[in-house]
N, C-alpha and C. Protein backbone atom coordinates (compact mmCIF):
# COMPACT_ATOMS: atom_id res chain seq x y z
N UNK A 1 0.81 -1.21 0.00
CA UNK A 1 0.00 0.00 0.00
C UNK A 1 0.84 1.26 0.00
N UNK A 2 2.12 1.15 0.17
CA UNK A 2 2.99 2.31 -0.02
C UNK A 2 3.42 3.04 1.23
N UNK A 3 2.50 3.81 1.82
CA UNK A 3 2.87 4.57 3.01
C UNK A 3 1.68 4.65 3.98
N UNK A 4 1.92 5.24 5.14
CA UNK A 4 0.91 5.27 6.20
C UNK A 4 -0.37 5.99 5.77
N UNK A 5 -0.24 7.06 4.99
CA UNK A 5 -1.44 7.80 4.55
C UNK A 5 -2.32 6.94 3.65
N UNK A 6 -1.70 6.20 2.76
CA UNK A 6 -2.47 5.33 1.87
C UNK A 6 -3.14 4.21 2.68
N UNK A 7 -2.41 3.63 3.62
CA UNK A 7 -2.96 2.57 4.47
C UNK A 7 -4.16 3.11 5.25
N UNK A 8 -4.03 4.30 5.83
CA UNK A 8 -5.12 4.90 6.61
C UNK A 8 -6.33 5.19 5.73
N UNK A 9 -6.09 5.63 4.50
CA UNK A 9 -7.19 5.92 3.58
C UNK A 9 -7.93 4.64 3.20
N UNK A 10 -7.19 3.58 2.93
CA UNK A 10 -7.81 2.29 2.62
C UNK A 10 -8.68 1.83 3.79
N UNK A 11 -8.15 1.91 5.00
CA UNK A 11 -8.91 1.49 6.19
C UNK A 11 -10.18 2.32 6.33
N UNK A 12 -10.05 3.64 6.12
CA UNK A 12 -11.21 4.53 6.21
C UNK A 12 -12.29 4.14 5.20
N UNK A 13 -11.90 3.87 3.97
CA UNK A 13 -12.87 3.53 2.93
C UNK A 13 -13.49 2.15 3.18
N UNK A 14 -12.71 1.21 3.66
CA UNK A 14 -13.26 -0.11 3.99
C UNK A 14 -14.33 0.01 5.07
N UNK A 15 -14.05 0.82 6.08
CA UNK A 15 -15.05 1.05 7.15
C UNK A 15 -16.26 1.80 6.59
N UNK A 16 -16.02 2.83 5.80
CA UNK A 16 -17.10 3.64 5.25
C UNK A 16 -18.08 2.79 4.43
N UNK A 17 -17.53 1.92 3.58
CA UNK A 17 -18.38 1.11 2.71
C UNK A 17 -18.78 -0.21 3.36
N UNK A 18 -18.39 -0.39 4.62
CA UNK A 18 -18.73 -1.61 5.37
C UNK A 18 -18.39 -2.85 4.55
N UNK A 19 -17.17 -2.84 4.05
CA UNK A 19 -16.71 -3.94 3.19
C UNK A 19 -16.71 -5.25 3.95
N UNK A 20 -17.10 -6.31 3.25
CA UNK A 20 -17.10 -7.65 3.82
C UNK A 20 -16.07 -8.50 3.08
N UNK A 21 -15.76 -9.63 3.66
CA UNK A 21 -14.86 -10.59 3.01
C UNK A 21 -13.52 -9.96 2.60
N UNK A 22 -12.92 -9.26 3.52
CA UNK A 22 -11.63 -8.61 3.24
C UNK A 22 -10.52 -9.63 3.42
N UNK A 23 -9.77 -9.85 2.36
CA UNK A 23 -8.61 -10.74 2.40
C UNK A 23 -7.39 -9.83 2.32
N UNK A 24 -6.59 -9.86 3.38
CA UNK A 24 -5.43 -8.98 3.46
C UNK A 24 -4.14 -9.77 3.29
N UNK A 25 -3.49 -9.54 2.17
CA UNK A 25 -2.17 -10.10 1.91
C UNK A 25 -1.19 -8.96 2.21
N UNK A 26 -0.54 -8.99 3.37
CA UNK A 26 0.30 -7.86 3.78
C UNK A 26 1.66 -7.87 3.08
N UNK A 27 1.68 -7.44 1.84
CA UNK A 27 2.91 -7.44 1.05
C UNK A 27 3.82 -6.37 1.63
N UNK A 28 4.78 -6.82 2.44
CA UNK A 28 5.66 -5.88 3.15
C UNK A 28 7.13 -6.19 2.96
N UNK A 29 7.45 -7.38 2.48
CA UNK A 29 8.84 -7.80 2.36
C UNK A 29 9.05 -8.40 0.97
N UNK A 30 9.99 -7.85 0.22
CA UNK A 30 10.30 -8.37 -1.11
C UNK A 30 11.04 -9.70 -1.00
N UNK A 31 11.03 -10.48 -2.08
CA UNK A 31 11.75 -11.75 -2.08
C UNK A 31 13.21 -11.56 -1.72
N UNK A 32 13.75 -10.39 -2.03
CA UNK A 32 15.15 -10.09 -1.72
C UNK A 32 15.35 -9.86 -0.23
N UNK A 33 14.25 -9.69 0.51
CA UNK A 33 14.34 -9.39 1.94
C UNK A 33 14.20 -7.91 2.22
N UNK A 34 14.14 -7.09 1.19
CA UNK A 34 14.00 -5.64 1.37
C UNK A 34 12.61 -5.29 1.87
N UNK A 35 12.55 -4.31 2.77
CA UNK A 35 11.27 -3.84 3.30
C UNK A 35 10.54 -3.03 2.23
N UNK A 36 9.26 -3.28 2.08
CA UNK A 36 8.43 -2.55 1.11
C UNK A 36 7.55 -1.51 1.79
N UNK A 37 7.46 -1.57 3.10
CA UNK A 37 6.69 -0.59 3.89
C UNK A 37 7.55 -0.07 5.02
N UNK A 38 7.42 1.22 5.31
CA UNK A 38 8.12 1.81 6.43
C UNK A 38 7.43 1.47 7.75
N UNK A 39 8.11 1.77 8.85
CA UNK A 39 7.58 1.45 10.19
C UNK A 39 6.22 2.09 10.45
N UNK A 40 6.05 3.34 10.07
CA UNK A 40 4.78 4.03 10.31
C UNK A 40 3.64 3.37 9.54
N UNK A 41 3.92 2.98 8.31
CA UNK A 41 2.90 2.31 7.49
C UNK A 41 2.54 0.95 8.08
N UNK A 42 3.54 0.24 8.59
CA UNK A 42 3.28 -1.07 9.20
C UNK A 42 2.43 -0.90 10.46
N UNK A 43 2.76 0.09 11.26
CA UNK A 43 1.98 0.35 12.48
C UNK A 43 0.54 0.69 12.13
N UNK A 44 0.33 1.49 11.10
CA UNK A 44 -1.03 1.85 10.67
C UNK A 44 -1.76 0.63 10.13
N UNK A 45 -1.06 -0.21 9.39
CA UNK A 45 -1.65 -1.45 8.87
C UNK A 45 -2.14 -2.32 10.02
N UNK A 46 -1.31 -2.49 11.04
CA UNK A 46 -1.67 -3.33 12.18
C UNK A 46 -2.85 -2.73 12.94
N UNK A 47 -2.82 -1.43 13.15
CA UNK A 47 -3.86 -0.77 13.95
C UNK A 47 -5.18 -0.59 13.20
N UNK A 48 -5.11 -0.24 11.92
CA UNK A 48 -6.32 0.16 11.21
C UNK A 48 -6.88 -0.87 10.24
N UNK A 49 -6.04 -1.68 9.61
CA UNK A 49 -6.53 -2.60 8.58
C UNK A 49 -6.69 -4.03 9.10
N UNK A 50 -5.72 -4.52 9.85
CA UNK A 50 -5.80 -5.90 10.34
C UNK A 50 -7.10 -6.20 11.06
N UNK A 51 -7.60 -5.30 11.92
CA UNK A 51 -8.86 -5.62 12.60
C UNK A 51 -10.05 -5.79 11.65
N UNK A 52 -9.94 -5.31 10.42
CA UNK A 52 -11.04 -5.40 9.46
C UNK A 52 -10.98 -6.69 8.64
N UNK A 53 -9.85 -7.36 8.66
CA UNK A 53 -9.63 -8.51 7.77
C UNK A 53 -10.48 -9.71 8.16
N UNK A 54 -11.02 -10.35 7.14
CA UNK A 54 -11.68 -11.64 7.31
C UNK A 54 -10.64 -12.74 7.29
N UNK A 55 -9.70 -12.62 6.34
CA UNK A 55 -8.60 -13.58 6.22
C UNK A 55 -7.31 -12.78 6.05
N UNK A 56 -6.36 -13.03 6.93
CA UNK A 56 -5.03 -12.43 6.85
C UNK A 56 -4.08 -13.49 6.32
N UNK A 57 -3.30 -13.17 5.26
CA UNK A 57 -2.50 -14.20 4.59
C UNK A 57 -1.00 -13.87 4.54
N UNK A 58 -0.33 -13.70 5.66
CA UNK A 58 1.10 -13.38 5.60
C UNK A 58 1.96 -14.62 5.32
N UNK A 59 3.09 -14.39 4.67
CA UNK A 59 4.10 -15.44 4.62
C UNK A 59 4.95 -15.30 5.89
N UNK A 60 5.94 -16.14 6.05
CA UNK A 60 6.70 -16.14 7.31
C UNK A 60 7.47 -14.84 7.56
N UNK A 61 8.17 -14.27 6.56
CA UNK A 61 8.83 -12.98 6.82
C UNK A 61 7.83 -11.88 7.17
N UNK A 62 6.69 -11.84 6.49
CA UNK A 62 5.67 -10.82 6.79
C UNK A 62 5.11 -11.02 8.20
N UNK A 63 4.88 -12.26 8.59
CA UNK A 63 4.39 -12.53 9.95
C UNK A 63 5.41 -12.05 10.97
N UNK A 64 6.68 -12.25 10.68
CA UNK A 64 7.73 -11.77 11.57
C UNK A 64 7.68 -10.27 11.73
N UNK A 65 7.46 -9.54 10.63
CA UNK A 65 7.36 -8.09 10.70
C UNK A 65 6.14 -7.68 11.51
N UNK A 66 4.99 -8.30 11.25
CA UNK A 66 3.77 -7.94 11.97
C UNK A 66 3.89 -8.17 13.47
N UNK A 67 4.64 -9.19 13.85
CA UNK A 67 4.78 -9.56 15.26
C UNK A 67 6.07 -9.05 15.88
N UNK A 68 6.89 -8.36 15.08
CA UNK A 68 8.20 -7.90 15.54
C UNK A 68 8.98 -9.08 16.13
N UNK A 69 9.06 -10.14 15.34
CA UNK A 69 9.71 -11.38 15.77
C UNK A 69 10.44 -11.98 14.57
N UNK A 70 11.31 -12.91 14.83
CA UNK A 70 11.97 -13.59 13.72
C UNK A 70 10.96 -14.53 13.07
N UNK A 71 11.10 -14.78 11.77
CA UNK A 71 10.19 -15.72 11.11
C UNK A 71 10.30 -17.13 11.69
N UNK A 72 9.22 -17.86 11.63
CA UNK A 72 9.19 -19.24 12.13
C UNK A 72 10.11 -20.13 11.30
N UNK A 73 10.71 -21.11 11.96
CA UNK A 73 11.56 -22.09 11.29
C UNK A 73 10.93 -23.47 11.22
N UNK A 74 9.85 -23.68 11.96
CA UNK A 74 9.20 -24.98 12.02
C UNK A 74 7.68 -24.79 12.01
N UNK A 75 6.96 -25.87 11.74
CA UNK A 75 5.50 -25.80 11.78
C UNK A 75 5.03 -25.50 13.20
N UNK A 76 5.70 -26.02 14.20
CA UNK A 76 5.35 -25.75 15.59
C UNK A 76 5.46 -24.25 15.90
N UNK A 77 6.54 -23.62 15.43
CA UNK A 77 6.69 -22.18 15.61
C UNK A 77 5.62 -21.42 14.82
N UNK A 78 5.27 -21.95 13.65
CA UNK A 78 4.20 -21.34 12.86
C UNK A 78 2.89 -21.34 13.63
N UNK A 79 2.60 -22.41 14.34
CA UNK A 79 1.36 -22.47 15.14
C UNK A 79 1.32 -21.35 16.16
N UNK A 80 2.42 -21.12 16.85
CA UNK A 80 2.46 -20.04 17.84
C UNK A 80 2.30 -18.68 17.17
N UNK A 81 2.91 -18.51 16.00
CA UNK A 81 2.77 -17.25 15.27
C UNK A 81 1.33 -17.04 14.83
N UNK A 82 0.70 -18.09 14.33
CA UNK A 82 -0.70 -17.99 13.88
C UNK A 82 -1.61 -17.57 15.03
N UNK A 83 -1.36 -18.13 16.21
CA UNK A 83 -2.15 -17.75 17.39
C UNK A 83 -1.96 -16.28 17.73
N UNK A 84 -0.72 -15.81 17.68
CA UNK A 84 -0.44 -14.40 17.98
C UNK A 84 -1.05 -13.48 16.93
N UNK A 85 -0.95 -13.87 15.67
CA UNK A 85 -1.52 -13.06 14.59
C UNK A 85 -3.04 -12.97 14.71
N UNK A 86 -3.66 -14.08 15.08
CA UNK A 86 -5.14 -14.10 15.20
C UNK A 86 -5.62 -13.09 16.23
N UNK A 87 -4.82 -12.85 17.26
CA UNK A 87 -5.19 -11.87 18.29
C UNK A 87 -5.18 -10.44 17.75
N UNK A 88 -4.54 -10.20 16.60
CA UNK A 88 -4.54 -8.87 16.00
C UNK A 88 -5.83 -8.59 15.22
N UNK A 89 -6.61 -9.63 14.94
CA UNK A 89 -7.86 -9.47 14.20
C UNK A 89 -9.00 -9.22 15.15
N UNK A 90 -10.05 -8.60 14.66
CA UNK A 90 -11.24 -8.38 15.46
C UNK A 90 -11.85 -9.74 15.80
N UNK A 91 -12.44 -9.84 16.96
CA UNK A 91 -12.98 -11.13 17.39
C UNK A 91 -14.51 -11.07 17.39
N UNK A 92 -15.08 -10.82 16.22
CA UNK A 92 -16.53 -10.66 16.13
C UNK A 92 -17.13 -11.59 15.07
N UNK A 93 -16.70 -12.80 15.07
CA UNK A 93 -17.22 -13.74 14.08
C UNK A 93 -16.08 -14.47 13.41
N UNK A 94 -16.31 -14.93 12.21
CA UNK A 94 -15.31 -15.72 11.51
C UNK A 94 -14.17 -14.84 11.01
N UNK A 95 -13.02 -14.98 11.65
CA UNK A 95 -11.79 -14.27 11.25
C UNK A 95 -10.68 -15.32 11.22
N UNK A 96 -9.87 -15.28 10.19
CA UNK A 96 -8.89 -16.34 9.96
C UNK A 96 -7.51 -15.77 9.68
N UNK A 97 -6.51 -16.51 10.13
CA UNK A 97 -5.13 -16.27 9.73
C UNK A 97 -4.72 -17.48 8.90
N UNK A 98 -4.24 -17.21 7.70
CA UNK A 98 -3.64 -18.24 6.87
C UNK A 98 -2.15 -17.92 6.83
N UNK A 99 -1.38 -18.61 7.64
CA UNK A 99 0.06 -18.38 7.69
C UNK A 99 0.71 -19.30 6.67
N UNK A 100 1.35 -18.69 5.67
CA UNK A 100 1.90 -19.42 4.54
C UNK A 100 3.33 -19.86 4.85
N UNK A 101 3.57 -21.16 4.78
CA UNK A 101 4.86 -21.71 5.14
C UNK A 101 5.78 -22.04 3.99
N UNK A 102 5.59 -21.41 2.86
CA UNK A 102 6.40 -21.70 1.68
C UNK A 102 7.88 -21.45 1.85
N UNK A 103 8.27 -20.66 2.85
CA UNK A 103 9.69 -20.38 3.07
C UNK A 103 10.39 -21.53 3.81
N UNK A 104 9.61 -22.47 4.36
CA UNK A 104 10.22 -23.62 5.01
C UNK A 104 10.62 -24.64 3.95
N UNK A 105 11.49 -25.56 4.30
CA UNK A 105 11.86 -26.62 3.35
C UNK A 105 10.83 -27.73 3.41
N UNK A 106 10.88 -28.61 2.43
CA UNK A 106 9.93 -29.72 2.39
C UNK A 106 8.64 -29.32 1.71
N UNK A 107 7.58 -30.07 2.02
CA UNK A 107 6.28 -29.77 1.44
C UNK A 107 5.83 -28.36 1.82
N UNK A 108 4.94 -27.79 1.02
CA UNK A 108 4.40 -26.46 1.29
C UNK A 108 3.27 -26.58 2.30
N UNK A 109 3.57 -26.27 3.55
CA UNK A 109 2.59 -26.39 4.62
C UNK A 109 2.16 -25.00 5.08
N UNK A 110 0.86 -24.76 4.99
CA UNK A 110 0.25 -23.52 5.48
C UNK A 110 -0.62 -23.89 6.68
N UNK A 111 -0.84 -22.91 7.55
CA UNK A 111 -1.72 -23.12 8.71
C UNK A 111 -2.88 -22.14 8.63
N UNK A 112 -4.08 -22.65 8.81
CA UNK A 112 -5.28 -21.82 8.85
C UNK A 112 -5.82 -21.88 10.27
N UNK A 113 -5.93 -20.71 10.92
CA UNK A 113 -6.34 -20.66 12.31
C UNK A 113 -7.47 -19.66 12.48
N UNK A 114 -8.56 -20.10 13.15
CA UNK A 114 -9.72 -19.23 13.36
C UNK A 114 -9.91 -18.85 14.82
N UNK A 115 -8.94 -19.13 15.65
CA UNK A 115 -9.06 -18.86 17.07
C UNK A 115 -9.36 -20.11 17.87
N UNK A 116 -9.92 -21.11 17.20
CA UNK A 116 -10.21 -22.40 17.83
C UNK A 116 -9.51 -23.55 17.12
N UNK A 117 -9.69 -23.61 15.81
CA UNK A 117 -9.14 -24.72 15.02
C UNK A 117 -7.87 -24.31 14.31
N UNK A 118 -6.86 -25.17 14.38
CA UNK A 118 -5.63 -24.99 13.63
C UNK A 118 -5.62 -26.07 12.55
N UNK A 119 -5.81 -25.66 11.32
CA UNK A 119 -5.91 -26.60 10.20
C UNK A 119 -4.61 -26.55 9.41
N UNK A 120 -3.97 -27.70 9.27
CA UNK A 120 -2.73 -27.80 8.50
C UNK A 120 -3.07 -28.16 7.07
N UNK A 121 -2.62 -27.34 6.14
CA UNK A 121 -2.87 -27.55 4.71
C UNK A 121 -1.52 -27.79 4.04
N UNK A 122 -1.32 -29.00 3.57
CA UNK A 122 -0.02 -29.36 3.00
C UNK A 122 -0.19 -29.79 1.55
N UNK A 123 0.70 -29.31 0.72
CA UNK A 123 0.75 -29.71 -0.69
C UNK A 123 2.20 -29.98 -1.03
N UNK A 124 2.44 -30.84 -2.01
CA UNK A 124 3.83 -31.09 -2.40
C UNK A 124 4.47 -29.81 -2.96
N UNK A 125 5.73 -29.63 -2.66
CA UNK A 125 6.46 -28.49 -3.23
C UNK A 125 6.67 -28.78 -4.71
N UNK A 126 6.36 -27.81 -5.54
CA UNK A 126 6.48 -27.96 -6.99
C UNK A 126 7.80 -27.33 -7.45
N UNK A 127 8.61 -28.10 -8.15
CA UNK A 127 9.87 -27.58 -8.68
C UNK A 127 9.58 -26.82 -9.97
N UNK A 128 9.66 -25.50 -9.91
CA UNK A 128 9.44 -24.65 -11.08
C UNK A 128 10.20 -23.35 -10.88
N UNK A 129 10.59 -22.73 -11.98
CA UNK A 129 11.23 -21.43 -11.88
C UNK A 129 10.18 -20.32 -11.91
N UNK A 130 8.95 -20.66 -12.25
CA UNK A 130 7.87 -19.69 -12.36
C UNK A 130 7.07 -19.62 -11.06
N UNK A 131 7.57 -18.85 -10.14
CA UNK A 131 6.93 -18.74 -8.82
C UNK A 131 6.46 -17.32 -8.52
N UNK A 132 6.61 -16.42 -9.47
CA UNK A 132 6.24 -15.03 -9.21
C UNK A 132 4.72 -14.91 -9.00
N UNK A 133 4.33 -14.27 -7.91
CA UNK A 133 2.92 -14.00 -7.65
C UNK A 133 2.17 -15.08 -6.89
N UNK A 134 2.89 -15.99 -6.24
CA UNK A 134 2.19 -17.07 -5.54
C UNK A 134 1.29 -16.54 -4.43
N UNK A 135 1.80 -15.64 -3.60
CA UNK A 135 0.99 -15.12 -2.49
C UNK A 135 -0.19 -14.31 -2.97
N UNK A 136 0.03 -13.47 -3.96
CA UNK A 136 -1.06 -12.65 -4.51
C UNK A 136 -2.12 -13.53 -5.17
N UNK A 137 -1.68 -14.57 -5.87
CA UNK A 137 -2.61 -15.49 -6.51
C UNK A 137 -3.48 -16.18 -5.47
N UNK A 138 -2.85 -16.65 -4.40
CA UNK A 138 -3.59 -17.34 -3.35
C UNK A 138 -4.61 -16.42 -2.70
N UNK A 139 -4.21 -15.22 -2.31
CA UNK A 139 -5.15 -14.31 -1.65
C UNK A 139 -6.27 -13.86 -2.59
N UNK A 140 -5.94 -13.64 -3.85
CA UNK A 140 -6.97 -13.25 -4.82
C UNK A 140 -7.98 -14.38 -5.04
N UNK A 141 -7.50 -15.62 -5.10
CA UNK A 141 -8.40 -16.76 -5.26
C UNK A 141 -9.32 -16.90 -4.05
N UNK A 142 -8.77 -16.71 -2.85
CA UNK A 142 -9.61 -16.76 -1.63
C UNK A 142 -10.67 -15.68 -1.69
N UNK A 143 -10.27 -14.46 -2.05
CA UNK A 143 -11.23 -13.35 -2.13
C UNK A 143 -12.34 -13.62 -3.14
N UNK A 144 -11.97 -14.17 -4.30
CA UNK A 144 -12.97 -14.47 -5.33
C UNK A 144 -13.94 -15.53 -4.84
N UNK A 145 -13.43 -16.55 -4.18
CA UNK A 145 -14.31 -17.61 -3.67
C UNK A 145 -15.23 -17.09 -2.56
N UNK A 146 -14.72 -16.27 -1.66
CA UNK A 146 -15.57 -15.69 -0.62
C UNK A 146 -16.67 -14.83 -1.24
N UNK A 147 -16.32 -14.07 -2.27
CA UNK A 147 -17.31 -13.21 -2.94
C UNK A 147 -18.42 -14.03 -3.58
N UNK A 148 -18.12 -15.27 -3.93
CA UNK A 148 -19.14 -16.17 -4.51
C UNK A 148 -19.89 -16.95 -3.44
N UNK A 149 -19.62 -16.65 -2.18
CA UNK A 149 -20.37 -17.27 -1.10
C UNK A 149 -19.76 -18.54 -0.53
N UNK A 150 -18.54 -18.87 -0.95
CA UNK A 150 -17.88 -20.05 -0.41
C UNK A 150 -17.49 -19.79 1.04
N UNK A 151 -17.73 -20.76 1.89
CA UNK A 151 -17.36 -20.67 3.30
C UNK A 151 -15.84 -20.53 3.41
N UNK A 152 -15.31 -19.74 4.38
CA UNK A 152 -13.88 -19.44 4.41
C UNK A 152 -12.94 -20.65 4.41
N UNK A 153 -13.19 -21.68 5.19
CA UNK A 153 -12.27 -22.82 5.20
C UNK A 153 -12.25 -23.49 3.84
N UNK A 154 -13.41 -23.67 3.24
CA UNK A 154 -13.48 -24.27 1.90
C UNK A 154 -12.81 -23.36 0.87
N UNK A 155 -12.97 -22.05 1.00
CA UNK A 155 -12.35 -21.11 0.08
C UNK A 155 -10.83 -21.22 0.14
N UNK A 156 -10.29 -21.32 1.34
CA UNK A 156 -8.84 -21.44 1.48
C UNK A 156 -8.35 -22.76 0.89
N UNK A 157 -9.06 -23.85 1.18
CA UNK A 157 -8.66 -25.15 0.62
C UNK A 157 -8.69 -25.13 -0.91
N UNK A 158 -9.77 -24.61 -1.49
CA UNK A 158 -9.88 -24.57 -2.95
C UNK A 158 -8.83 -23.65 -3.56
N UNK A 159 -8.56 -22.52 -2.92
CA UNK A 159 -7.56 -21.58 -3.42
C UNK A 159 -6.17 -22.22 -3.39
N UNK A 160 -5.86 -22.96 -2.35
CA UNK A 160 -4.55 -23.64 -2.27
C UNK A 160 -4.44 -24.70 -3.36
N UNK A 161 -5.52 -25.44 -3.62
CA UNK A 161 -5.50 -26.43 -4.70
C UNK A 161 -5.28 -25.75 -6.04
N UNK A 162 -5.95 -24.63 -6.26
CA UNK A 162 -5.79 -23.87 -7.50
C UNK A 162 -4.34 -23.42 -7.66
N UNK A 163 -3.76 -22.84 -6.59
CA UNK A 163 -2.38 -22.37 -6.65
C UNK A 163 -1.41 -23.53 -6.90
N UNK A 164 -1.62 -24.65 -6.25
CA UNK A 164 -0.74 -25.80 -6.44
C UNK A 164 -0.75 -26.23 -7.90
N UNK A 165 -1.92 -26.27 -8.52
CA UNK A 165 -1.99 -26.66 -9.93
C UNK A 165 -1.40 -25.57 -10.83
N UNK A 166 -1.59 -24.29 -10.47
CA UNK A 166 -1.00 -23.19 -11.24
C UNK A 166 0.53 -23.27 -11.19
N UNK A 167 1.08 -23.71 -10.07
CA UNK A 167 2.52 -23.93 -9.97
C UNK A 167 2.95 -25.15 -10.77
N UNK A 168 2.16 -26.22 -10.69
CA UNK A 168 2.48 -27.45 -11.41
C UNK A 168 2.52 -27.19 -12.92
N UNK A 169 1.67 -26.33 -13.41
CA UNK A 169 1.57 -26.05 -14.85
C UNK A 169 2.42 -24.85 -15.27
N UNK A 170 3.09 -24.21 -14.33
CA UNK A 170 3.77 -22.94 -14.61
C UNK A 170 4.86 -23.03 -15.66
N UNK A 171 5.56 -24.14 -15.73
CA UNK A 171 6.66 -24.23 -16.70
C UNK A 171 6.17 -24.32 -18.14
N UNK A 172 4.87 -24.42 -18.33
CA UNK A 172 4.32 -24.33 -19.69
C UNK A 172 4.43 -22.91 -20.23
N UNK A 173 4.64 -21.95 -19.32
CA UNK A 173 4.78 -20.54 -19.72
C UNK A 173 6.23 -20.20 -19.97
N UNK A 174 6.47 -19.39 -20.95
CA UNK A 174 7.80 -18.85 -21.23
C UNK A 174 7.64 -17.33 -21.32
N UNK A 175 7.70 -16.67 -20.16
CA UNK A 175 7.47 -15.24 -20.11
C UNK A 175 8.72 -14.55 -19.59
N UNK A 176 9.36 -13.74 -20.41
CA UNK A 176 10.53 -12.99 -19.98
C UNK A 176 11.67 -13.90 -19.54
N UNK A 177 12.46 -13.40 -18.60
CA UNK A 177 13.57 -14.19 -18.06
C UNK A 177 13.49 -14.13 -16.55
N UNK A 178 14.20 -15.04 -15.90
CA UNK A 178 14.14 -15.08 -14.44
C UNK A 178 12.89 -15.78 -13.97
N UNK A 179 12.43 -15.38 -12.79
CA UNK A 179 11.23 -15.99 -12.21
C UNK A 179 9.99 -15.48 -12.93
N UNK A 180 9.32 -16.37 -13.63
CA UNK A 180 8.09 -16.01 -14.31
C UNK A 180 6.89 -16.23 -13.41
N UNK A 181 5.69 -15.94 -13.92
CA UNK A 181 4.48 -16.08 -13.13
C UNK A 181 3.98 -17.53 -13.07
N UNK A 182 3.17 -17.79 -12.08
CA UNK A 182 2.46 -19.07 -12.04
C UNK A 182 1.47 -19.06 -13.20
N UNK A 183 0.95 -20.22 -13.57
CA UNK A 183 0.06 -20.33 -14.73
C UNK A 183 -1.40 -20.18 -14.29
N UNK A 184 -1.86 -18.94 -14.22
CA UNK A 184 -3.20 -18.65 -13.74
C UNK A 184 -4.31 -19.29 -14.58
N UNK A 185 -4.06 -19.47 -15.86
CA UNK A 185 -5.11 -19.95 -16.77
C UNK A 185 -4.91 -21.40 -17.19
N UNK A 186 -4.25 -22.16 -16.34
CA UNK A 186 -3.92 -23.55 -16.68
C UNK A 186 -5.14 -24.39 -17.04
N UNK A 187 -6.27 -24.12 -16.45
CA UNK A 187 -7.46 -24.94 -16.71
C UNK A 187 -8.09 -24.64 -18.06
N UNK A 188 -7.78 -23.48 -18.65
CA UNK A 188 -8.43 -23.08 -19.90
C UNK A 188 -7.53 -23.18 -21.10
N UNK A 189 -6.23 -23.27 -20.90
CA UNK A 189 -5.30 -23.36 -22.04
C UNK A 189 -5.22 -24.81 -22.50
N UNK A 190 -5.19 -25.00 -23.81
CA UNK A 190 -5.08 -26.39 -24.29
C UNK A 190 -3.75 -27.00 -23.91
N UNK A 191 -3.79 -28.27 -23.63
CA UNK A 191 -2.56 -29.00 -23.28
C UNK A 191 -1.93 -29.50 -24.58
N UNK A 192 -0.63 -29.44 -24.60
CA UNK A 192 0.10 -29.91 -25.79
C UNK A 192 0.96 -31.10 -25.44
């Protein structure tokens, strides 16, 4: 979102329009490790936007920034982080933290926590060079499914399945050089 003023404006408009089904992907840390938001913007995000979120979808470095802690190294540490993150959300109904564990080695294990249930969602790690946009794709898929009336746990499960297949099919794309995008349209493109 750029800076604290933009974050505050977004929060104000979300409250004004009584937005529902808010999926917040807190893009704050670049793959290089560089910070994308300043301290004031992060503080405003935590204070003004997080309480509005239906689903918060940080990866491990982002969770570390939100909690002012080092990123988790194990699924057990992820569970503790998910519990702490959930306390940052408003407690007035269904609110979820989807802590994305893609930075860990092994299978891609994410944790979905609603304050009571800790659901482990694991998919095989896909070997591909086209990984650009994985977090944004996942959060956008969750948002689209929620907008269609899908219950949050089912929306997260379906979105993770979609992303896993988009990663599996990603090497069918030859876009630019370096890390390319996941294959968002894998279900509609003809197979060769």
